[in-house]
Amino acid sequence: MSPRGTPAAVVIGVVLAACASPAPSSTQGPEVTTMNLTSGSFTDGGSIPDRHTCDGVDVSPPLAWDGVPDGTQSFALIVDDPDAGGFVHWVLSGIPADARELAEGEGDAIGTPGANDFGRSGWGGPCPPSGEHHYAFTLYALSEALSNAADADAVREAAEMSALARATLTGVYARR
């Protein structure tokens, strides 16, 4: 029965319209677009060479990106292992807005390294205890610069509020 003689169709229409309209969000950041992120050492979904791991010299791989949106003030990068509960291998913030690459082994000199889950700052290459693991390299174009060395949580929080674009490159590695 509809309230006070209001036709049931009107009540249903109002309810459906309310359910279809998204709730306003006061914490939603800008719309995020996609950039392209590549490496000269491995392809997306490909194997990460030993050189970039604990089984080699453990040097960060070269990275390059394009498709950067206008308004980018800085970049931040997180490399983590989703197969190990998101174990963080590299956090790099404060990458200048005009940068379009990180040369092999030089990322920590271009940006500001943050703490990784090895208990130190900077690159810590793949070193899975067993089996093949995936490593997600996620680059964020931010509309605001991060002022200090940031850990992965701080980068993710900043990205939630001010990411203009993101790019992900995934590599795999299994110890021999």
Protein backbone atom coordinates (compact mmCIF):
# COMPACT_ATOMS: atom_id res chain seq x y z
CA MET A 1 0.00 0.00 0.00
CA SER A 2 1.32 3.46 -0.87
CA PRO A 3 1.53 6.26 1.71
CA ARG A 4 -1.51 8.56 1.93
CA GLY A 5 -2.94 7.79 -1.45
CA THR A 6 0.25 8.33 -3.48
CA PRO A 7 0.14 6.03 -6.48
CA ALA A 8 2.45 3.04 -6.08
CA ALA A 9 4.11 3.76 -9.44
CA VAL A 10 5.27 7.20 -8.19
CA VAL A 11 6.69 5.73 -4.98
CA ILE A 12 8.52 3.01 -6.92
CA GLY A 13 9.85 5.59 -9.41
CA VAL A 14 11.24 7.79 -6.61
CA VAL A 15 12.88 4.80 -4.92
CA LEU A 16 14.44 3.60 -8.19
CA ALA A 17 15.74 7.10 -9.01
CA ALA A 18 17.34 7.40 -5.56
CA CYS A 19 19.01 4.01 -5.94
CA ALA A 20 20.34 4.83 -9.40
CA SER A 21 21.92 8.16 -8.44
CA PRO A 22 25.45 7.88 -7.07
CA ALA A 23 26.00 9.30 -3.64
CA PRO A 24 28.12 12.45 -3.66
CA SER A 25 31.66 11.96 -2.44
CA SER A 26 33.61 14.72 -0.74
CA THR A 27 36.89 12.76 -0.76
CA GLN A 28 36.93 11.65 -4.37
CA GLY A 29 40.01 12.86 -6.23
CA PRO A 30 40.27 13.84 -9.89
CA GLU A 31 39.31 11.44 -12.65
CA VAL A 32 42.22 9.06 -13.26
CA THR A 33 43.38 8.34 -16.79
CA THR A 34 45.86 5.76 -17.99
CA MET A 35 49.52 6.27 -18.91
CA ASN A 36 51.84 3.73 -20.52
CA LEU A 37 54.71 2.26 -18.48
CA THR A 38 57.42 0.10 -20.06
CA SER A 39 60.83 -1.33 -19.28
CA GLY A 40 63.74 -2.05 -21.56
CA SER A 41 64.46 -5.14 -19.42
CA PHE A 42 61.14 -7.00 -19.57
CA THR A 43 57.71 -6.82 -21.18
CA ASP A 44 54.38 -6.61 -19.38
CA GLY A 45 53.78 -10.11 -18.02
CA GLY A 46 57.33 -11.14 -18.89
CA SER A 47 60.19 -12.43 -16.76
CA ILE A 48 62.29 -9.97 -14.79
CA PRO A 49 65.98 -10.67 -15.50
CA ASP A 50 68.15 -11.97 -12.63
CA ARG A 51 70.14 -8.72 -12.81
CA HIS A 52 67.26 -6.88 -11.09
CA THR A 53 66.79 -9.46 -8.31
CA CYS A 54 68.50 -10.75 -5.18
CA ASP A 55 70.00 -13.50 -7.34
CA GLY A 56 71.85 -10.87 -9.41
CA VAL A 57 73.30 -7.43 -8.71
CA ASP A 58 69.86 -6.28 -7.50
CA VAL A 59 69.73 -3.08 -9.53
CA SER A 60 66.42 -1.39 -10.35
CA PRO A 61 65.21 -1.93 -13.93
CA PRO A 62 64.95 0.91 -16.42
CA LEU A 63 61.44 2.35 -16.72
CA ALA A 64 59.90 4.76 -19.23
CA TRP A 65 56.42 6.25 -19.54
CA ASP A 66 54.25 8.40 -21.77
CA GLY A 67 50.68 9.62 -21.93
CA VAL A 68 51.26 12.04 -19.05
CA PRO A 69 48.26 14.29 -18.42
CA ASP A 70 48.43 18.08 -18.20
CA GLY A 71 48.64 19.33 -14.62
CA THR A 72 51.07 16.64 -13.44
CA GLN A 73 53.22 18.09 -10.63
CA SER A 74 55.17 14.95 -9.75
CA PHE A 75 55.23 11.18 -10.05
CA ALA A 76 55.35 8.44 -7.44
CA LEU A 77 56.11 4.75 -7.89
CA ILE A 78 55.28 1.66 -5.87
CA VAL A 79 56.56 -1.82 -6.70
CA ASP A 80 54.91 -4.60 -4.77
CA ASP A 81 54.36 -8.34 -4.87
CA PRO A 82 50.64 -9.20 -4.72
CA ASP A 83 51.54 -12.89 -4.38
CA ALA A 84 53.21 -12.09 -1.05
CA GLY A 85 50.38 -10.05 0.43
CA GLY A 86 51.49 -6.81 -1.24
CA PHE A 87 55.11 -6.98 0.00
CA VAL A 88 56.62 -3.61 -0.99
CA HIS A 89 59.89 -3.69 -2.95
CA TRP A 90 60.24 -0.02 -3.89
CA VAL A 91 58.65 3.30 -3.05
CA LEU A 92 59.83 6.35 -4.92
CA SER A 93 58.14 9.74 -4.60
CA GLY A 94 59.11 13.23 -5.70
CA ILE A 95 59.92 12.16 -9.24
CA PRO A 96 59.97 15.44 -11.20
CA ALA A 97 56.99 16.22 -13.44
CA ASP A 98 59.19 16.51 -16.52
CA ALA A 99 60.76 13.05 -16.03
CA ARG A 100 59.76 10.37 -18.54
CA GLU A 101 62.19 7.66 -17.53
CA LEU A 102 64.23 6.16 -14.73
CA ALA A 103 67.51 4.74 -15.97
CA GLU A 104 68.63 1.36 -14.68
CA GLY A 105 69.84 1.70 -11.09
CA GLU A 106 69.29 5.47 -10.98
CA GLY A 107 65.71 5.88 -9.76
CA ASP A 108 66.70 6.51 -6.17
CA ALA A 109 68.85 9.46 -7.31
CA ILE A 110 66.00 11.02 -9.33
CA GLY A 111 63.18 10.67 -6.80
CA THR A 112 63.03 10.31 -3.04
CA PRO A 113 63.15 6.67 -1.92
CA GLY A 114 60.80 5.58 0.84
CA ALA A 115 60.79 2.57 3.13
CA ASN A 116 60.27 -0.85 1.59
CA ASP A 117 59.29 -4.05 3.38
CA PHE A 118 62.93 -5.19 3.56
CA GLY A 119 63.31 -2.53 6.27
CA ARG A 120 65.39 -0.12 4.20
CA SER A 121 64.85 2.64 1.64
CA GLY A 122 65.24 2.26 -2.09
CA TRP A 123 65.02 -0.62 -4.51
CA GLY A 124 64.84 -4.15 -3.16
CA GLY A 125 64.51 -6.56 -6.05
CA PRO A 126 62.43 -9.70 -6.32
CA CYS A 127 63.54 -12.48 -3.98
CA PRO A 128 60.59 -14.87 -3.58
CA PRO A 129 61.04 -17.75 -1.14
CA SER A 130 59.51 -20.21 -3.61
CA GLY A 131 57.50 -20.34 -6.79
CA GLU A 132 56.79 -17.68 -9.37
CA HIS A 133 55.71 -14.27 -8.09
CA HIS A 134 54.26 -11.23 -9.86
CA TYR A 135 55.69 -7.76 -9.33
CA ALA A 136 53.44 -4.76 -10.02
CA PHE A 137 55.23 -1.52 -10.92
CA THR A 138 52.60 1.20 -10.46
CA LEU A 139 53.41 4.76 -11.46
CA TYR A 140 51.13 7.63 -10.44
CA ALA A 141 50.99 11.09 -12.03
CA LEU A 142 50.04 13.40 -9.17
CA SER A 143 48.46 16.86 -9.28
CA GLU A 144 50.41 17.73 -6.12
CA ALA A 145 54.00 17.00 -5.15
CA LEU A 146 54.70 14.80 -2.13
CA SER A 147 56.99 16.88 0.09
CA ASN A 148 58.82 14.17 2.05
CA ALA A 149 60.00 10.61 1.62
CA ALA A 150 56.79 8.65 1.60
CA ASP A 151 56.04 5.08 2.45
CA ALA A 152 53.68 3.02 0.29
CA ASP A 153 50.63 3.95 2.40
CA ALA A 154 51.36 7.69 2.04
CA VAL A 155 51.80 7.32 -1.73
CA ARG A 156 48.54 5.39 -2.04
CA GLU A 157 46.73 8.01 0.05
CA ALA A 158 48.13 10.83 -2.09
CA ALA A 159 47.19 8.90 -5.23
CA GLU A 160 43.64 8.47 -3.99
CA MET A 161 43.33 12.23 -3.59
CA SER A 162 45.42 13.63 -6.44
CA ALA A 163 46.27 11.00 -9.06
CA LEU A 164 45.65 12.29 -12.56
CA ALA A 165 46.84 9.07 -14.18
CA ARG A 166 48.34 5.70 -13.34
CA ALA A 167 50.22 3.04 -15.22
CA THR A 168 51.06 -0.51 -14.21
CA LEU A 169 53.69 -2.84 -15.58
CA THR A 170 53.82 -6.39 -14.22
CA GLY A 171 56.84 -8.65 -14.30
CA VAL A 172 57.27 -12.19 -13.00
CA TYR A 173 60.17 -13.88 -11.28
CA ALA A 174 60.92 -17.32 -9.87
CA ARG A 175 64.19 -18.21 -8.18
CA ARG A 176 66.18 -20.96 -9.82
